Amino acid sequence: MIKRPLFFLLALTIAFSQTANDRGYILYVGDDSPNFVLDFPNGTQTSLEDLNGQVTMLQFTASWCHVCREEMPYIEKEIWKVYKNIGLNVIGIDRDEPADVITKFAKEVQVTYPIALDPGADIFALFADRNSGVTRNVIIAPDGTIAFLTRLFEMQEFNDMKRVIHNLLMDQLMEQKQSLTAKRQILKQLKKQQTRSERYSIRKLETELFKAERELNRKERKLALAEMRL
C-alpha cells in the first residue's frame, strides 16, 4: 500500500525523470492534455471535454504489437476491473487499424474496456512523435493535466501507474466528500428557514444528498479494498 502523502513525492519524481524526449513523448507530466475526439467501432464518440473532471487512462495499442498483447490483460484485470465503477475511464486507442480488426483484437486479448480508432495515428501524434512506437499509457487527471506516462511494459512502472491512478481517485473522492459536507451545511440552514411551500423541494434535496453520500461511501469501500492490492 502507499500512503497518500507520498503521492506528491512520486509526482515530483515523475516530473523530473519523465521528459518528453526520453521515450518519444512530446508532452511532459504536468502539461495540459491536448484536445481530441475519439471514434469507436460502434459509432459512438467521446472527447477530452466529455472526460473533464474524471480520471482517464489512454492506452495506445495495435493488434500487431506483441508487447501490447502482453500488457492488455493486466490492464483489464488489475486496473479496469478494479476501478471502472469507482470513477476511472480506460480507453484503448488502436493505431491506424479498421473497426473490424479492432473488434477482433479486443476479443483475442479478452479486454472489455472500449478501444477507439486512430486512423493515420493522428491522436497518437498529439502525445508522442508519430514515428515512435505504441505500447504506451497516458494518465489524465480530472483537471485535464498529464499525471503519468508509460512506455513498453515494465512491471515496476505498471505498478507505479496503478498507484498514481489510485491516489488520483482518492483525491477526487475526498474533494467530493468535502463538497457533500458543504451542501449538507447549506441544507441544514435551509431547513431552519423553510416555508411550507419549500418543504417538498428541500425533502427532494435531502434525498439526493443521501443518495450521493451512499454512493461516496460505496466508492470509499471499494478504494479501500483496491488499496490492499497495491
C-alpha atoms as a PDB file:
ATOM      1  CA  MET A   1       0.000   0.000   0.000  1.00  0.00           C
ATOM      2  CA  ILE A   2       1.038   3.596  -0.494  1.00  0.00           C
ATOM      3  CA  LYS A   3       0.473   6.426   1.941  1.00  0.00           C
ATOM      4  CA  ARG A   4      -1.337   9.267   0.208  1.00  0.00           C
ATOM      5  CA  PRO A   5       1.221  11.996   1.116  1.00  0.00           C
ATOM      6  CA  LEU A   6       3.825  10.007  -0.813  1.00  0.00           C
ATOM      7  CA  PHE A   7       1.865  10.671  -3.993  1.00  0.00           C
ATOM      8  CA  PHE A   8       3.226  14.194  -4.106  1.00  0.00           C
ATOM      9  CA  LEU A   9       6.804  12.939  -3.851  1.00  0.00           C
ATOM     10  CA  LEU A  10       6.073  10.402  -6.564  1.00  0.00           C
ATOM     11  CA  ALA A  11       4.566  13.056  -8.821  1.00  0.00           C
ATOM     12  CA  LEU A  12       7.573  15.319  -8.255  1.00  0.00           C
ATOM     13  CA  THR A  13       9.966  12.495  -9.116  1.00  0.00           C
ATOM     14  CA  ILE A  14       7.999  11.731 -12.270  1.00  0.00           C
ATOM     15  CA  ALA A  15       8.018  15.360 -13.359  1.00  0.00           C
ATOM     16  CA  PHE A  16      11.808  15.448 -13.294  1.00  0.00           C
ATOM     17  CA  SER A  17      12.526  11.928 -14.544  1.00  0.00           C
ATOM     18  CA  GLN A  18       9.980  11.538 -17.359  1.00  0.00           C
ATOM     19  CA  THR A  19      10.997  14.046 -20.005  1.00  0.00           C
ATOM     20  CA  ALA A  20       9.283  14.340 -23.355  1.00  0.00           C
ATOM     21  CA  ASN A  21      12.283  13.121 -25.315  1.00  0.00           C
ATOM     22  CA  ASP A  22      13.006  10.080 -23.150  1.00  0.00           C
ATOM     23  CA  ARG A  23      10.714   7.690 -24.998  1.00  0.00           C
ATOM     24  CA  GLY A  24       9.180   9.549 -27.890  1.00  0.00           C
ATOM     25  CA  TYR A  25       6.683  11.669 -25.978  1.00  0.00           C
ATOM     26  CA  ILE A  26       6.192  15.291 -26.965  1.00  0.00           C
ATOM     27  CA  LEU A  27       4.464  16.086 -23.654  1.00  0.00           C
ATOM     28  CA  TYR A  28       5.664  16.220 -20.050  1.00  0.00           C
ATOM     29  CA  VAL A  29       3.973  15.185 -16.816  1.00  0.00           C
ATOM     30  CA  GLY A  30       2.114  18.278 -15.645  1.00  0.00           C
ATOM     31  CA  ASP A  31       1.280  19.509 -19.160  1.00  0.00           C
ATOM     32  CA  ASP A  32      -2.325  20.029 -20.200  1.00  0.00           C
ATOM     33  CA  SER A  33      -3.658  17.192 -22.299  1.00  0.00           C
ATOM     34  CA  PRO A  34      -4.238  18.148 -25.941  1.00  0.00           C
ATOM     35  CA  ASN A  35      -7.821  18.208 -27.181  1.00  0.00           C
ATOM     36  CA  PHE A  36      -9.095  15.163 -29.053  1.00  0.00           C
ATOM     37  CA  VAL A  37     -12.217  13.422 -30.311  1.00  0.00           C
ATOM     38  CA  LEU A  38     -12.262   9.615 -30.277  1.00  0.00           C
ATOM     39  CA  ASP A  39     -14.448   7.480 -32.557  1.00  0.00           C
ATOM     40  CA  PHE A  40     -15.361   3.929 -31.549  1.00  0.00           C
ATOM     41  CA  PRO A  41     -16.208   0.928 -33.746  1.00  0.00           C
ATOM     42  CA  ASN A  42     -19.846   1.071 -32.616  1.00  0.00           C
ATOM     43  CA  GLY A  43     -20.234   4.614 -33.972  1.00  0.00           C
ATOM     44  CA  THR A  44     -20.078   6.485 -30.662  1.00  0.00           C
ATOM     45  CA  GLN A  45     -17.661   9.292 -29.810  1.00  0.00           C
ATOM     46  CA  THR A  46     -16.013  10.861 -26.792  1.00  0.00           C
ATOM     47  CA  SER A  47     -13.747  13.856 -26.355  1.00  0.00           C
ATOM     48  CA  LEU A  48     -11.451  15.465 -23.807  1.00  0.00           C
ATOM     49  CA  GLU A  49     -14.327  17.781 -22.909  1.00  0.00           C
ATOM     50  CA  ASP A  50     -16.527  14.754 -22.134  1.00  0.00           C
ATOM     51  CA  LEU A  51     -13.802  13.359 -19.860  1.00  0.00           C
ATOM     52  CA  ASN A  52     -13.115  16.556 -17.915  1.00  0.00           C
ATOM     53  CA  GLY A  53     -13.495  16.081 -14.166  1.00  0.00           C
ATOM     54  CA  GLN A  54     -12.669  12.359 -14.409  1.00  0.00           C
ATOM     55  CA  VAL A  55      -9.543  10.235 -14.136  1.00  0.00           C
ATOM     56  CA  THR A  56      -8.769   8.806 -17.562  1.00  0.00           C
ATOM     57  CA  MET A  57      -6.256   6.265 -18.853  1.00  0.00           C
ATOM     58  CA  LEU A  58      -5.460   6.303 -22.581  1.00  0.00           C
ATOM     59  CA  GLN A  59      -3.808   3.080 -23.752  1.00  0.00           C
ATOM     60  CA  PHE A  60      -2.142   3.341 -27.164  1.00  0.00           C
ATOM     61  CA  THR A  61      -2.084  -0.053 -28.831  1.00  0.00           C
ATOM     62  CA  ALA A  62      -2.300  -2.070 -32.066  1.00  0.00           C
ATOM     63  CA  SER A  63      -3.165  -5.669 -32.944  1.00  0.00           C
ATOM     64  CA  TRP A  64       0.304  -6.321 -34.385  1.00  0.00           C
ATOM     65  CA  CYS A  65       2.054  -5.162 -31.189  1.00  0.00           C
ATOM     66  CA  HIS A  66       3.119  -8.201 -29.142  1.00  0.00           C
ATOM     67  CA  VAL A  67       4.028  -6.084 -26.086  1.00  0.00           C
ATOM     68  CA  CYS A  68       0.553  -4.539 -26.173  1.00  0.00           C
ATOM     69  CA  ARG A  69      -0.952  -8.022 -26.198  1.00  0.00           C
ATOM     70  CA  GLU A  70       1.149  -8.870 -23.155  1.00  0.00           C
ATOM     71  CA  GLU A  71       0.150  -5.746 -21.226  1.00  0.00           C
ATOM     72  CA  MET A  72      -3.554  -5.522 -22.014  1.00  0.00           C
ATOM     73  CA  PRO A  73      -4.739  -8.477 -19.881  1.00  0.00           C
ATOM     74  CA  TYR A  74      -3.001  -6.828 -16.889  1.00  0.00           C
ATOM     75  CA  ILE A  75      -4.799  -3.562 -17.626  1.00  0.00           C
ATOM     76  CA  GLU A  76      -8.092  -5.450 -17.836  1.00  0.00           C
ATOM     77  CA  LYS A  77      -7.602  -7.389 -14.584  1.00  0.00           C
ATOM     78  CA  GLU A  78      -5.633  -5.026 -12.351  1.00  0.00           C
ATOM     79  CA  ILE A  79      -6.917  -1.621 -13.453  1.00  0.00           C
ATOM     80  CA  TRP A  80     -10.151  -1.718 -15.459  1.00  0.00           C
ATOM     81  CA  LYS A  81     -11.995  -4.362 -13.440  1.00  0.00           C
ATOM     82  CA  VAL A  82     -10.813  -2.838 -10.151  1.00  0.00           C
ATOM     83  CA  TYR A  83     -11.549   0.832 -10.828  1.00  0.00           C
ATOM     84  CA  LYS A  84     -14.156   1.016 -13.601  1.00  0.00           C
ATOM     85  CA  ASN A  85     -17.005   1.551 -11.129  1.00  0.00           C
ATOM     86  CA  ILE A  86     -15.048   3.992  -8.955  1.00  0.00           C
ATOM     87  CA  GLY A  87     -14.615   6.778 -11.466  1.00  0.00           C
ATOM     88  CA  LEU A  88     -11.861   5.623 -13.837  1.00  0.00           C
ATOM     89  CA  ASN A  89     -12.118   5.682 -17.630  1.00  0.00           C
ATOM     90  CA  VAL A  90      -9.866   3.294 -19.551  1.00  0.00           C
ATOM     91  CA  ILE A  91      -9.826   3.822 -23.309  1.00  0.00           C
ATOM     92  CA  GLY A  92      -7.673   1.891 -25.738  1.00  0.00           C
ATOM     93  CA  ILE A  93      -6.616   3.799 -28.860  1.00  0.00           C
ATOM     94  CA  ASP A  94      -5.712   1.500 -31.750  1.00  0.00           C
ATOM     95  CA  ARG A  95      -3.152   2.838 -34.183  1.00  0.00           C
ATOM     96  CA  ASP A  96      -4.340   3.039 -37.794  1.00  0.00           C
ATOM     97  CA  GLU A  97      -6.478  -0.129 -37.988  1.00  0.00           C
ATOM     98  CA  PRO A  98     -10.113  -0.546 -39.146  1.00  0.00           C
ATOM     99  CA  ALA A  99     -13.059  -1.231 -36.864  1.00  0.00           C
ATOM    100  CA  ASP A 100     -13.348  -4.956 -37.690  1.00  0.00           C
ATOM    101  CA  VAL A 101      -9.696  -5.542 -36.831  1.00  0.00           C
ATOM    102  CA  ILE A 102     -10.078  -3.667 -33.539  1.00  0.00           C
ATOM    103  CA  THR A 103     -13.174  -5.650 -32.569  1.00  0.00           C
ATOM    104  CA  LYS A 104     -11.427  -8.931 -33.313  1.00  0.00           C
ATOM    105  CA  PHE A 105      -8.313  -7.766 -31.456  1.00  0.00           C
ATOM    106  CA  ALA A 106     -10.291  -6.947 -28.294  1.00  0.00           C
ATOM    107  CA  LYS A 107     -11.845 -10.406 -28.309  1.00  0.00           C
ATOM    108  CA  GLU A 108      -8.485 -12.098 -28.817  1.00  0.00           C
ATOM    109  CA  VAL A 109      -6.836 -10.365 -25.861  1.00  0.00           C
ATOM    110  CA  GLN A 110     -10.071 -10.605 -23.844  1.00  0.00           C
ATOM    111  CA  VAL A 111     -10.427  -6.975 -22.793  1.00  0.00           C
ATOM    112  CA  THR A 112     -13.756  -5.301 -22.137  1.00  0.00           C
ATOM    113  CA  TYR A 113     -12.716  -1.661 -21.940  1.00  0.00           C
ATOM    114  CA  PRO A 114     -13.553   0.362 -25.075  1.00  0.00           C
ATOM    115  CA  ILE A 115     -10.998   0.700 -27.889  1.00  0.00           C
ATOM    116  CA  ALA A 116     -11.150   3.697 -30.226  1.00  0.00           C
ATOM    117  CA  LEU A 117      -9.973   4.080 -33.799  1.00  0.00           C
ATOM    118  CA  ASP A 118      -6.995   6.258 -34.672  1.00  0.00           C
ATOM    119  CA  PRO A 119      -6.679   6.446 -38.473  1.00  0.00           C
ATOM    120  CA  GLY A 120      -3.343   7.877 -39.506  1.00  0.00           C
ATOM    121  CA  ALA A 121      -2.228   7.830 -35.849  1.00  0.00           C
ATOM    122  CA  ASP A 122      -3.452  11.436 -35.562  1.00  0.00           C
ATOM    123  CA  ILE A 123      -4.481  11.076 -31.898  1.00  0.00           C
ATOM    124  CA  PHE A 124      -1.228   9.266 -31.124  1.00  0.00           C
ATOM    125  CA  ALA A 125       0.710  12.165 -32.671  1.00  0.00           C
ATOM    126  CA  LEU A 126      -0.861  14.599 -30.187  1.00  0.00           C
ATOM    127  CA  PHE A 127       1.002  12.834 -27.383  1.00  0.00           C
ATOM    128  CA  ALA A 128       4.095  11.289 -28.981  1.00  0.00           C
ATOM    129  CA  ASP A 129       6.247  11.537 -32.072  1.00  0.00           C
ATOM    130  CA  ARG A 130       4.245   9.971 -34.899  1.00  0.00           C
ATOM    131  CA  ASN A 131       7.149   7.693 -35.815  1.00  0.00           C
ATOM    132  CA  SER A 132       7.651   6.302 -32.303  1.00  0.00           C
ATOM    133  CA  GLY A 133       6.199   3.020 -31.093  1.00  0.00           C
ATOM    134  CA  VAL A 134       2.946   2.123 -29.388  1.00  0.00           C
ATOM    135  CA  THR A 135       2.612   0.305 -26.066  1.00  0.00           C
ATOM    136  CA  ARG A 136       2.284   3.450 -24.026  1.00  0.00           C
ATOM    137  CA  ASN A 137      -0.233   4.752 -21.495  1.00  0.00           C
ATOM    138  CA  VAL A 138      -1.224   8.311 -20.638  1.00  0.00           C
ATOM    139  CA  ILE A 139      -2.965   9.071 -17.326  1.00  0.00           C
ATOM    140  CA  ILE A 140      -5.026  12.260 -17.370  1.00  0.00           C
ATOM    141  CA  ALA A 141      -6.042  13.845 -14.064  1.00  0.00           C
ATOM    142  CA  PRO A 142      -9.525  15.331 -13.508  1.00  0.00           C
ATOM    143  CA  ASP A 143      -8.171  18.825 -14.223  1.00  0.00           C
ATOM    144  CA  GLY A 144      -7.013  17.707 -17.680  1.00  0.00           C
ATOM    145  CA  THR A 145      -3.284  17.583 -16.930  1.00  0.00           C
ATOM    146  CA  ILE A 146      -0.953  14.675 -17.681  1.00  0.00           C
ATOM    147  CA  ALA A 147      -0.321  12.733 -14.462  1.00  0.00           C
ATOM    148  CA  PHE A 148       1.746   9.776 -15.721  1.00  0.00           C
ATOM    149  CA  LEU A 149       3.344   8.399 -18.884  1.00  0.00           C
ATOM    150  CA  THR A 150       4.497   4.844 -19.610  1.00  0.00           C
ATOM    151  CA  ARG A 151       6.394   3.225 -22.454  1.00  0.00           C
ATOM    152  CA  LEU A 152       6.522  -0.519 -23.211  1.00  0.00           C
ATOM    153  CA  PHE A 153       5.510  -2.862 -20.390  1.00  0.00           C
ATOM    154  CA  GLU A 154       7.702  -2.975 -17.319  1.00  0.00           C
ATOM    155  CA  MET A 155       6.091  -4.225 -14.107  1.00  0.00           C
ATOM    156  CA  GLN A 156       7.569  -1.632 -11.751  1.00  0.00           C
ATOM    157  CA  GLU A 157       6.378   1.208 -13.945  1.00  0.00           C
ATOM    158  CA  PHE A 158       2.995  -0.505 -14.342  1.00  0.00           C
ATOM    159  CA  ASN A 159       2.656  -0.720 -10.549  1.00  0.00           C
ATOM    160  CA  ASP A 160       3.678   2.930 -10.187  1.00  0.00           C
ATOM    161  CA  MET A 161       0.940   3.796 -12.673  1.00  0.00           C
ATOM    162  CA  LYS A 162      -1.620   1.910 -10.615  1.00  0.00           C
ATOM    163  CA  ARG A 163      -0.620   3.884  -7.518  1.00  0.00           C
ATOM    164  CA  VAL A 164      -0.964   7.181  -9.370  1.00  0.00           C
ATOM    165  CA  ILE A 165      -4.435   6.172 -10.603  1.00  0.00           C
ATOM    166  CA  HIS A 166      -5.457   5.076  -7.124  1.00  0.00           C
ATOM    167  CA  ASN A 167      -4.327   8.297  -5.487  1.00  0.00           C
ATOM    168  CA  LEU A 168      -5.983  10.475  -8.112  1.00  0.00           C
ATOM    169  CA  LEU A 169      -9.241   8.663  -7.396  1.00  0.00           C
ATOM    170  CA  MET A 170      -8.695   9.029  -3.638  1.00  0.00           C
ATOM    171  CA  ASP A 171      -8.069  12.767  -4.017  1.00  0.00           C
ATOM    172  CA  GLN A 172     -11.212  13.077  -6.112  1.00  0.00           C
ATOM    173  CA  LEU A 173     -13.225  11.171  -3.501  1.00  0.00           C
ATOM    174  CA  MET A 174     -12.002  13.459  -0.713  1.00  0.00           C
ATOM    175  CA  GLU A 175     -12.988  16.535  -2.747  1.00  0.00           C
ATOM    176  CA  GLN A 176     -16.427  15.048  -3.385  1.00  0.00           C
ATOM    177  CA  LYS A 177     -16.911  14.306   0.326  1.00  0.00           C
ATOM    178  CA  GLN A 178     -15.915  17.861   1.240  1.00  0.00           C
ATOM    179  CA  SER A 179     -18.388  19.210  -1.296  1.00  0.00           C
ATOM    180  CA  LEU A 180     -21.107  16.980   0.127  1.00  0.00           C
ATOM    181  CA  THR A 181     -20.383  18.222   3.658  1.00  0.00           C
ATOM    182  CA  ALA A 182     -20.703  21.824   2.486  1.00  0.00           C
ATOM    183  CA  LYS A 183     -24.023  21.058   0.776  1.00  0.00           C
ATOM    184  CA  ARG A 184     -25.304  19.416   3.965  1.00  0.00           C
ATOM    185  CA  GLN A 185     -24.477  22.572   5.925  1.00  0.00           C
ATOM    186  CA  ILE A 186     -26.386  24.667   3.406  1.00  0.00           C
ATOM    187  CA  LEU A 187     -29.341  22.266   3.554  1.00  0.00           C
ATOM    188  CA  LYS A 188     -29.330  22.472   7.340  1.00  0.00           C
ATOM    189  CA  GLN A 189     -29.698  26.239   7.165  1.00  0.00           C
ATOM    190  CA  LEU A 190     -32.418  25.988   4.537  1.00  0.00           C
ATOM    191  CA  LYS A 191     -34.421  23.606   6.732  1.00  0.00           C
ATOM    192  CA  LYS A 192     -34.344  26.105   9.583  1.00  0.00           C
ATOM    193  CA  GLN A 193     -35.761  28.817   7.354  1.00  0.00           C
ATOM    194  CA  GLN A 194     -38.059  26.770   5.117  1.00  0.00           C
ATOM    195  CA  THR A 195     -41.597  27.807   4.374  1.00  0.00           C
ATOM    196  CA  ARG A 196     -44.463  25.394   3.836  1.00  0.00           C
ATOM    197  CA  SER A 197     -44.143  25.730   0.058  1.00  0.00           C
ATOM    198  CA  GLU A 198     -40.426  24.900   0.178  1.00  0.00           C
ATOM    199  CA  ARG A 199     -40.738  21.649   2.123  1.00  0.00           C
ATOM    200  CA  TYR A 200     -41.093  19.405  -0.929  1.00  0.00           C
ATOM    201  CA  SER A 201     -38.052  20.872  -2.661  1.00  0.00           C
ATOM    202  CA  ILE A 202     -35.947  20.607   0.482  1.00  0.00           C
ATOM    203  CA  ARG A 203     -37.001  16.993   1.061  1.00  0.00           C
ATOM    204  CA  LYS A 204     -36.010  16.251  -2.540  1.00  0.00           C
ATOM    205  CA  LEU A 205     -32.587  17.829  -1.989  1.00  0.00           C
ATOM    206  CA  GLU A 206     -32.186  15.844   1.224  1.00  0.00           C
ATOM    207  CA  THR A 207     -32.937  12.606  -0.633  1.00  0.00           C
ATOM    208  CA  GLU A 208     -30.435  13.475  -3.364  1.00  0.00           C
ATOM    209  CA  LEU A 209     -27.710  14.187  -0.802  1.00  0.00           C
ATOM    210  CA  PHE A 210     -28.459  10.918   0.971  1.00  0.00           C
ATOM    211  CA  LYS A 211     -28.046   9.029  -2.330  1.00  0.00           C
ATOM    212  CA  ALA A 212     -24.816  10.906  -3.066  1.00  0.00           C
ATOM    213  CA  GLU A 213     -23.449  10.060   0.385  1.00  0.00           C
ATOM    214  CA  ARG A 214     -24.313   6.397  -0.064  1.00  0.00           C
ATOM    215  CA  GLU A 215     -22.528   6.351  -3.430  1.00  0.00           C
ATOM    216  CA  LEU A 216     -19.422   8.018  -1.993  1.00  0.00           C
ATOM    217  CA  ASN A 217     -19.356   5.514   0.874  1.00  0.00           C
ATOM    218  CA  ARG A 218     -19.542   2.700  -1.680  1.00  0.00           C
ATOM    219  CA  LYS A 219     -16.607   4.193  -3.605  1.00  0.00           C
ATOM    220  CA  GLU A 220     -14.629   4.588  -0.409  1.00  0.00           C
ATOM    221  CA  ARG A 221     -15.096   0.915   0.483  1.00  0.00           C
ATOM    222  CA  LYS A 222     -14.056  -0.175  -3.000  1.00  0.00           C
ATOM    223  CA  LEU A 223     -10.983   2.047  -2.918  1.00  0.00           C
ATOM    224  CA  ALA A 224     -10.031   0.626   0.474  1.00  0.00           C
ATOM    225  CA  LEU A 225     -10.207  -2.881  -0.990  1.00  0.00           C
ATOM    226  CA  ALA A 226      -8.240  -1.792  -4.051  1.00  0.00           C
ATOM    227  CA  GLU A 227      -5.538  -0.230  -1.875  1.00  0.00           C
ATOM    228  CA  MET A 228      -4.912  -3.605  -0.250  1.00  0.00           C
ATOM    229  CA  ARG A 229      -3.857  -4.950  -3.677  1.00  0.00           C
ATOM    230  CA  LEU A 230      -1.289  -2.230  -4.378  1.00  0.00           C
END
